[in-house]
């Protein structure tokens, strides 16, 4: 039981580590959604309005936001990565 809990915690922490300054710096305008997902993992949430897909990786306190038009990243921002 203890091993399972430690393994779960390790997996959770490794998923969070993708939301980092290093990975944010790798984002480029024009990157397709699949490449961004490969870099950052599955997004925490996505929404789509008028052909603009907006996805967030992380949580309310620490996150990376990326907006996609035509499946390409056009705007990205981050908060509290340092």
PDB file of N, CA and C in Angstrom:
ATOM      1  N   UNK A   1       0.821  -1.191   0.000  1.00  0.00           N
ATOM      2  CA  UNK A   1       0.000   0.000   0.000  1.00  0.00           C
ATOM      3  C   UNK A   1       0.868   1.260   0.000  1.00  0.00           C
ATOM      4  N   UNK A   2       1.892   1.259   0.842  1.00  0.00           N
ATOM      5  CA  UNK A   2       2.785   2.405   0.933  1.00  0.00           C
ATOM      6  C   UNK A   2       3.528   2.616  -0.391  1.00  0.00           C
ATOM      7  N   UNK A   3       3.931   1.510  -1.013  1.00  0.00           N
ATOM      8  CA  UNK A   3       4.631   1.591  -2.290  1.00  0.00           C
ATOM      9  C   UNK A   3       3.729   2.185  -3.359  1.00  0.00           C
ATOM     10  N   UNK A   4       2.469   1.791  -3.369  1.00  0.00           N
ATOM     11  CA  UNK A   4       1.511   2.312  -4.335  1.00  0.00           C
ATOM     12  C   UNK A   4       1.319   3.817  -4.154  1.00  0.00           C
ATOM     13  N   UNK A   5       1.249   4.263  -2.923  1.00  0.00           N
ATOM     14  CA  UNK A   5       1.094   5.684  -2.656  1.00  0.00           C
ATOM     15  C   UNK A   5       2.329   6.466  -3.111  1.00  0.00           C
ATOM     16  N   UNK A   6       3.517   5.947  -2.854  1.00  0.00           N
ATOM     17  CA  UNK A   6       4.742   6.612  -3.275  1.00  0.00           C
ATOM     18  C   UNK A   6       4.850   6.662  -4.796  1.00  0.00           C
ATOM     19  N   UNK A   7       4.458   5.595  -5.446  1.00  0.00           N
ATOM     20  CA  UNK A   7       4.472   5.552  -6.910  1.00  0.00           C
ATOM     21  C   UNK A   7       3.495   6.570  -7.484  1.00  0.00           C
ATOM     22  N   UNK A   8       2.312   6.655  -6.904  1.00  0.00           N
ATOM     23  CA  UNK A   8       1.319   7.631  -7.357  1.00  0.00           C
ATOM     24  C   UNK A   8       1.837   9.056  -7.186  1.00  0.00           C
ATOM     25  N   UNK A   9       2.456   9.327  -6.061  1.00  0.00           N
ATOM     26  CA  UNK A   9       3.016  10.654  -5.806  1.00  0.00           C
ATOM     27  C   UNK A   9       4.133  10.972  -6.798  1.00  0.00           C
ATOM     28  N   UNK A  10       4.977  10.012  -7.094  1.00  0.00           N
ATOM     29  CA  UNK A  10       6.062  10.217  -8.053  1.00  0.00           C
ATOM     30  C   UNK A  10       5.508  10.516  -9.440  1.00  0.00           C
ATOM     31  N   UNK A  11       4.459   9.810  -9.833  1.00  0.00           N
ATOM     32  CA  UNK A  11       3.847  10.061 -11.137  1.00  0.00           C
ATOM     33  C   UNK A  11       3.216  11.446 -11.192  1.00  0.00           C
ATOM     34  N   UNK A  12       2.571  11.840 -10.125  1.00  0.00           N
ATOM     35  CA  UNK A  12       1.961  13.160 -10.060  1.00  0.00           C
ATOM     36  C   UNK A  12       3.019  14.254 -10.153  1.00  0.00           C
ATOM     37  N   UNK A  13       4.102  14.104  -9.432  1.00  0.00           N
ATOM     38  CA  UNK A  13       5.169  15.100  -9.467  1.00  0.00           C
ATOM     39  C   UNK A  13       5.865  15.143 -10.816  1.00  0.00           C
ATOM     40  N   UNK A  14       6.033  14.012 -11.464  1.00  0.00           N
ATOM     41  CA  UNK A  14       6.672  14.014 -12.778  1.00  0.00           C
ATOM     42  C   UNK A  14       5.782  14.676 -13.811  1.00  0.00           C
ATOM     43  N   UNK A  15       4.476  14.545 -13.687  1.00  0.00           N
ATOM     44  CA  UNK A  15       3.551  15.213 -14.616  1.00  0.00           C
ATOM     45  C   UNK A  15       3.622  16.723 -14.435  1.00  0.00           C
ATOM     46  N   UNK A  16       3.765  17.180 -13.211  1.00  0.00           N
ATOM     47  CA  UNK A  16       3.843  18.615 -12.938  1.00  0.00           C
ATOM     48  C   UNK A  16       5.137  19.212 -13.458  1.00  0.00           C
ATOM     49  N   UNK A  17       6.190  18.427 -13.508  1.00  0.00           N
ATOM     50  CA  UNK A  17       7.485  18.953 -13.908  1.00  0.00           C
ATOM     51  C   UNK A  17       7.516  19.403 -15.363  1.00  0.00           C
ATOM     52  N   UNK A  18       6.560  18.992 -16.181  1.00  0.00           N
ATOM     53  CA  UNK A  18       6.520  19.434 -17.575  1.00  0.00           C
ATOM     54  C   UNK A  18       6.102  20.889 -17.684  1.00  0.00           C
ATOM     55  N   UNK A  19       5.456  21.419 -16.663  1.00  0.00           N
ATOM     56  CA  UNK A  19       5.094  22.833 -16.626  1.00  0.00           C
ATOM     57  C   UNK A  19       6.279  23.558 -16.008  1.00  0.00           C
ATOM     58  N   UNK A  20       7.256  23.873 -16.877  1.00  0.00           N
ATOM     59  CA  UNK A  20       8.510  24.445 -16.401  1.00  0.00           C
ATOM     60  C   UNK A  20       8.974  25.560 -17.326  1.00  0.00           C
ATOM     61  N   UNK A  21       9.897  26.361 -16.832  1.00  0.00           N
ATOM     62  CA  UNK A  21      10.487  27.423 -17.633  1.00  0.00           C
ATOM     63  C   UNK A  21      11.182  26.824 -18.851  1.00  0.00           C
ATOM     64  N   UNK A  22      11.870  25.720 -18.653  1.00  0.00           N
ATOM     65  CA  UNK A  22      12.593  25.075 -19.752  1.00  0.00           C
ATOM     66  C   UNK A  22      11.646  24.693 -20.879  1.00  0.00           C
ATOM     67  N   UNK A  23      10.523  24.073 -20.549  1.00  0.00           N
ATOM     68  CA  UNK A  23       9.567  23.677 -21.586  1.00  0.00           C
ATOM     69  C   UNK A  23       8.840  24.878 -22.169  1.00  0.00           C
ATOM     70  N   UNK A  24       8.550  25.876 -21.362  1.00  0.00           N
ATOM     71  CA  UNK A  24       7.922  27.092 -21.881  1.00  0.00           C
ATOM     72  C   UNK A  24       8.823  27.737 -22.928  1.00  0.00           C
ATOM     73  N   UNK A  25      10.123  27.759 -22.657  1.00  0.00           N
ATOM     74  CA  UNK A  25      11.072  28.359 -23.594  1.00  0.00           C
ATOM     75  C   UNK A  25      11.156  27.598 -24.913  1.00  0.00           C
ATOM     76  N   UNK A  26      10.715  26.363 -24.934  1.00  0.00           N
ATOM     77  CA  UNK A  26      10.729  25.559 -26.165  1.00  0.00           C
ATOM     78  C   UNK A  26       9.516  25.815 -27.056  1.00  0.00           C
ATOM     79  N   UNK A  27       8.497  26.478 -26.516  1.00  0.00           N
ATOM     80  CA  UNK A  27       7.302  26.770 -27.315  1.00  0.00           C
ATOM     81  C   UNK A  27       7.638  27.780 -28.405  1.00  0.00           C
ATOM     82  N   UNK A  28       7.105  27.550 -29.592  1.00  0.00           N
ATOM     83  CA  UNK A  28       7.314  28.440 -30.726  1.00  0.00           C
ATOM     84  C   UNK A  28       5.982  28.726 -31.401  1.00  0.00           C
ATOM     85  N   UNK A  29       5.830  29.939 -31.899  1.00  0.00           N
ATOM     86  CA  UNK A  29       4.648  30.285 -32.675  1.00  0.00           C
ATOM     87  C   UNK A  29       4.595  29.360 -33.899  1.00  0.00           C
ATOM     88  N   UNK A  30       3.406  28.831 -34.173  1.00  0.00           N
ATOM     89  CA  UNK A  30       3.227  27.941 -35.311  1.00  0.00           C
ATOM     90  C   UNK A  30       3.332  26.460 -34.968  1.00  0.00           C
ATOM     91  N   UNK A  31       3.736  26.133 -33.728  1.00  0.00           N
ATOM     92  CA  UNK A  31       3.810  24.719 -33.331  1.00  0.00           C
ATOM     93  C   UNK A  31       2.419  24.105 -33.367  1.00  0.00           C
ATOM     94  N   UNK A  32       2.282  22.911 -33.937  1.00  0.00           N
ATOM     95  CA  UNK A  32       0.973  22.257 -33.914  1.00  0.00           C
ATOM     96  C   UNK A  32       0.620  21.774 -32.507  1.00  0.00           C
ATOM     97  N   UNK A  33      -0.673  21.630 -32.272  1.00  0.00           N
ATOM     98  CA  UNK A  33      -1.181  21.179 -30.973  1.00  0.00           C
ATOM     99  C   UNK A  33      -0.506  19.882 -30.543  1.00  0.00           C
ATOM    100  N   UNK A  34      -0.327  18.941 -31.471  1.00  0.00           N
ATOM    101  CA  UNK A  34       0.259  17.644 -31.111  1.00  0.00           C
ATOM    102  C   UNK A  34       1.683  17.793 -30.582  1.00  0.00           C
ATOM    103  N   UNK A  35       2.461  18.723 -31.139  1.00  0.00           N
ATOM    104  CA  UNK A  35       3.826  18.953 -30.646  1.00  0.00           C
ATOM    105  C   UNK A  35       3.814  19.573 -29.260  1.00  0.00           C
ATOM    106  N   UNK A  36       2.915  20.524 -29.045  1.00  0.00           N
ATOM    107  CA  UNK A  36       2.808  21.156 -27.729  1.00  0.00           C
ATOM    108  C   UNK A  36       2.392  20.109 -26.699  1.00  0.00           C
ATOM    109  N   UNK A  37       1.450  19.262 -27.076  1.00  0.00           N
ATOM    110  CA  UNK A  37       0.996  18.204 -26.168  1.00  0.00           C
ATOM    111  C   UNK A  37       2.122  17.219 -25.879  1.00  0.00           C
ATOM    112  N   UNK A  38       2.943  16.940 -26.871  1.00  0.00           N
ATOM    113  CA  UNK A  38       4.092  16.056 -26.667  1.00  0.00           C
ATOM    114  C   UNK A  38       5.074  16.678 -25.673  1.00  0.00           C
ATOM    115  N   UNK A  39       5.263  17.978 -25.766  1.00  0.00           N
ATOM    116  CA  UNK A  39       6.198  18.691 -24.899  1.00  0.00           C
ATOM    117  C   UNK A  39       5.675  18.839 -23.479  1.00  0.00           C
ATOM    118  N   UNK A  40       4.405  19.219 -23.341  1.00  0.00           N
ATOM    119  CA  UNK A  40       3.852  19.548 -22.023  1.00  0.00           C
ATOM    120  C   UNK A  40       2.975  18.458 -21.416  1.00  0.00           C
ATOM    121  N   UNK A  41       2.622  17.446 -22.206  1.00  0.00           N
ATOM    122  CA  UNK A  41       1.705  16.418 -21.725  1.00  0.00           C
ATOM    123  C   UNK A  41       0.270  16.823 -22.020  1.00  0.00           C
ATOM    124  N   UNK A  42      -0.658  16.090 -21.468  1.00  0.00           N
ATOM    125  CA  UNK A  42      -2.081  16.389 -21.682  1.00  0.00           C
ATOM    126  C   UNK A  42      -2.454  17.667 -20.943  1.00  0.00           C
ATOM    127  N   UNK A  43      -3.217  18.547 -21.575  1.00  0.00           N
ATOM    128  CA  UNK A  43      -3.614  19.780 -20.897  1.00  0.00           C
ATOM    129  C   UNK A  43      -4.586  19.518 -19.757  1.00  0.00           C
ATOM    130  N   UNK A  44      -4.579  20.417 -18.783  1.00  0.00           N
ATOM    131  CA  UNK A  44      -5.518  20.332 -17.667  1.00  0.00           C
ATOM    132  C   UNK A  44      -6.927  20.643 -18.134  1.00  0.00           C
ATOM    133  N   UNK A  45      -7.026  21.588 -19.090  1.00  0.00           N
ATOM    134  CA  UNK A  45      -8.336  21.954 -19.633  1.00  0.00           C
ATOM    135  C   UNK A  45      -8.152  22.647 -20.972  1.00  0.00           C
ATOM    136  N   UNK A  46      -9.166  22.539 -21.813  1.00  0.00           N
ATOM    137  CA  UNK A  46      -9.198  23.221 -23.111  1.00  0.00           C
ATOM    138  C   UNK A  46     -10.613  23.737 -23.348  1.00  0.00           C
ATOM    139  N   UNK A  47     -10.697  24.828 -24.088  1.00  0.00           N
ATOM    140  CA  UNK A  47     -11.989  25.350 -24.529  1.00  0.00           C
ATOM    141  C   UNK A  47     -11.801  25.858 -25.950  1.00  0.00           C
ATOM    142  N   UNK A  48     -12.911  25.967 -26.664  1.00  0.00           N
ATOM    143  CA  UNK A  48     -12.823  26.432 -28.045  1.00  0.00           C
ATOM    144  C   UNK A  48     -13.960  27.408 -28.323  1.00  0.00           C
ATOM    145  N   UNK A  49     -13.598  28.578 -28.855  1.00  0.00           N
ATOM    146  CA  UNK A  49     -14.566  29.605 -29.212  1.00  0.00           C
ATOM    147  C   UNK A  49     -14.138  30.201 -30.554  1.00  0.00           C
ATOM    148  N   UNK A  50     -15.048  30.186 -31.517  1.00  0.00           N
ATOM    149  CA  UNK A  50     -14.797  30.782 -32.828  1.00  0.00           C
ATOM    150  C   UNK A  50     -13.463  30.346 -33.432  1.00  0.00           C
ATOM    151  N   UNK A  51     -13.231  29.062 -33.479  1.00  0.00           N
ATOM    152  CA  UNK A  51     -12.028  28.467 -34.091  1.00  0.00           C
ATOM    153  C   UNK A  51     -10.732  28.752 -33.341  1.00  0.00           C
ATOM    154  N   UNK A  52     -10.810  29.302 -32.144  1.00  0.00           N
ATOM    155  CA  UNK A  52      -9.622  29.499 -31.312  1.00  0.00           C
ATOM    156  C   UNK A  52      -9.709  28.505 -30.161  1.00  0.00           C
ATOM    157  N   UNK A  53      -8.724  27.615 -30.103  1.00  0.00           N
ATOM    158  CA  UNK A  53      -8.655  26.621 -29.032  1.00  0.00           C
ATOM    159  C   UNK A  53      -7.676  27.148 -27.987  1.00  0.00           C
ATOM    160  N   UNK A  54      -8.125  27.213 -26.756  1.00  0.00           N
ATOM    161  CA  UNK A  54      -7.303  27.706 -25.649  1.00  0.00           C
ATOM    162  C   UNK A  54      -7.105  26.577 -24.652  1.00  0.00           C
ATOM    163  N   UNK A  55      -5.850  26.223 -24.377  1.00  0.00           N
ATOM    164  CA  UNK A  55      -5.553  25.128 -23.449  1.00  0.00           C
ATOM    165  C   UNK A  55      -4.642  25.616 -22.325  1.00  0.00           C
ATOM    166  N   UNK A  56      -4.827  24.997 -21.168  1.00  0.00           N
ATOM    167  CA  UNK A  56      -4.050  25.332 -19.978  1.00  0.00           C
ATOM    168  C   UNK A  56      -3.376  24.072 -19.459  1.00  0.00           C
ATOM    169  N   UNK A  57      -2.093  24.187 -19.161  1.00  0.00           N
ATOM    170  CA  UNK A  57      -1.343  23.111 -18.519  1.00  0.00           C
ATOM    171  C   UNK A  57      -0.961  23.609 -17.142  1.00  0.00           C
ATOM    172  N   UNK A  58      -1.291  22.855 -16.113  1.00  0.00           N
ATOM    173  CA  UNK A  58      -0.982  23.246 -14.745  1.00  0.00           C
ATOM    174  C   UNK A  58      -2.247  23.530 -13.966  1.00  0.00           C
ATOM    175  N   UNK A  59      -2.136  24.436 -12.979  1.00  0.00           N
ATOM    176  CA  UNK A  59      -3.283  24.764 -12.133  1.00  0.00           C
ATOM    177  C   UNK A  59      -3.446  26.278 -12.036  1.00  0.00           C
ATOM    178  N   UNK A  60      -4.309  26.733 -11.142  1.00  0.00           N
ATOM    179  CA  UNK A  60      -4.587  28.169 -11.014  1.00  0.00           C
ATOM    180  C   UNK A  60      -3.363  28.979 -10.594  1.00  0.00           C
ATOM    181  N   UNK A  61      -2.467  28.373  -9.851  1.00  0.00           N
ATOM    182  CA  UNK A  61      -1.315  29.107  -9.328  1.00  0.00           C
ATOM    183  C   UNK A  61      -0.109  29.074 -10.268  1.00  0.00           C
ATOM    184  N   UNK A  62       0.080  27.970 -10.963  1.00  0.00           N
ATOM    185  CA  UNK A  62       1.271  27.763 -11.799  1.00  0.00           C
ATOM    186  C   UNK A  62       0.832  27.106 -13.093  1.00  0.00           C
ATOM    187  N   UNK A  63       0.958  27.817 -14.213  1.00  0.00           N
ATOM    188  CA  UNK A  63       0.435  27.238 -15.452  1.00  0.00           C
ATOM    189  C   UNK A  63       1.056  27.853 -16.701  1.00  0.00           C
ATOM    190  N   UNK A  64       0.826  27.147 -17.800  1.00  0.00           N
ATOM    191  CA  UNK A  64       1.157  27.618 -19.136  1.00  0.00           C
ATOM    192  C   UNK A  64      -0.141  27.615 -19.921  1.00  0.00           C
ATOM    193  N   UNK A  65      -0.440  28.730 -20.586  1.00  0.00           N
ATOM    194  CA  UNK A  65      -1.640  28.870 -21.423  1.00  0.00           C
ATOM    195  C   UNK A  65      -1.189  28.975 -22.878  1.00  0.00           C
ATOM    196  N   UNK A  66      -1.858  28.249 -23.756  1.00  0.00           N
ATOM    197  CA  UNK A  66      -1.543  28.324 -25.181  1.00  0.00           C
ATOM    198  C   UNK A  66      -2.850  28.448 -25.958  1.00  0.00           C
ATOM    199  N   UNK A  67      -2.888  29.389 -26.895  1.00  0.00           N
ATOM    200  CA  UNK A  67      -4.033  29.543 -27.790  1.00  0.00           C
ATOM    201  C   UNK A  67      -3.621  29.085 -29.180  1.00  0.00           C
ATOM    202  N   UNK A  68      -4.505  28.318 -29.813  1.00  0.00           N
ATOM    203  CA  UNK A  68      -4.249  27.740 -31.134  1.00  0.00           C
ATOM    204  C   UNK A  68      -5.286  28.248 -32.124  1.00  0.00           C
ATOM    205  N   UNK A  69      -4.855  28.581 -33.317  1.00  0.00           N
ATOM    206  CA  UNK A  69      -5.745  28.899 -34.429  1.00  0.00           C
ATOM    207  C   UNK A  69      -5.323  27.991 -35.578  1.00  0.00           C
ATOM    208  N   UNK A  70      -6.274  27.249 -36.126  1.00  0.00           N
ATOM    209  CA  UNK A  70      -5.931  26.331 -37.207  1.00  0.00           C
ATOM    210  C   UNK A  70      -4.915  25.297 -36.776  1.00  0.00           C
ATOM    211  N   UNK A  71      -5.010  24.842 -35.536  1.00  0.00           N
ATOM    212  CA  UNK A  71      -4.132  23.823 -34.955  1.00  0.00           C
ATOM    213  C   UNK A  71      -2.681  24.293 -34.790  1.00  0.00           C
ATOM    214  N   UNK A  72      -2.437  25.600 -34.822  1.00  0.00           N
ATOM    215  CA  UNK A  72      -1.087  26.114 -34.615  1.00  0.00           C
ATOM    216  C   UNK A  72      -1.077  27.107 -33.454  1.00  0.00           C
ATOM    217  N   UNK A  73      -0.050  27.009 -32.623  1.00  0.00           N
ATOM    218  CA  UNK A  73       0.086  27.921 -31.483  1.00  0.00           C
ATOM    219  C   UNK A  73       0.308  29.340 -31.988  1.00  0.00           C
ATOM    220  N   UNK A  74      -0.484  30.272 -31.469  1.00  0.00           N
ATOM    221  CA  UNK A  74      -0.337  31.673 -31.873  1.00  0.00           C
ATOM    222  C   UNK A  74       0.030  32.574 -30.700  1.00  0.00           C
ATOM    223  N   UNK A  75      -0.441  32.243 -29.506  1.00  0.00           N
ATOM    224  CA  UNK A  75      -0.146  33.039 -28.309  1.00  0.00           C
ATOM    225  C   UNK A  75       0.080  32.079 -27.154  1.00  0.00           C
ATOM    226  N   UNK A  76       1.115  32.340 -26.377  1.00  0.00           N
ATOM    227  CA  UNK A  76       1.321  31.530 -25.169  1.00  0.00           C
ATOM    228  C   UNK A  76       1.852  32.416 -24.060  1.00  0.00           C
ATOM    229  N   UNK A  77       1.390  32.115 -22.857  1.00  0.00           N
ATOM    230  CA  UNK A  77       1.793  32.851 -21.671  1.00  0.00           C
ATOM    231  C   UNK A  77       2.005  31.861 -20.530  1.00  0.00           C
ATOM    232  N   UNK A  78       2.660  32.329 -19.474  1.00  0.00           N
ATOM    233  CA  UNK A  78       2.902  31.485 -18.317  1.00  0.00           C
ATOM    234  C   UNK A  78       2.801  32.322 -17.051  1.00  0.00           C
ATOM    235  N   UNK A  79       2.544  31.630 -15.952  1.00  0.00           N
ATOM    236  CA  UNK A  79       2.453  32.304 -14.660  1.00  0.00           C
ATOM    237  C   UNK A  79       3.117  31.446 -13.587  1.00  0.00           C
ATOM    238  N   UNK A  80       3.977  32.075 -12.793  1.00  0.00           N
ATOM    239  CA  UNK A  80       4.637  31.468 -11.624  1.00  0.00           C
ATOM    240  C   UNK A  80       5.439  30.212 -11.947  1.00  0.00           C
ATOM    241  N   UNK A  81       6.195  30.222 -13.019  1.00  0.00           N
ATOM    242  CA  UNK A  81       7.021  29.054 -13.349  1.00  0.00           C
ATOM    243  C   UNK A  81       8.335  29.048 -12.587  1.00  0.00           C
ATOM    244  N   UNK A  82       8.759  30.168 -12.108  1.00  0.00           N
ATOM    245  CA  UNK A  82      10.060  30.246 -11.393  1.00  0.00           C
ATOM    246  C   UNK A  82       9.885  30.023  -9.930  1.00  0.00           C
TER     247      UNK A  82
END
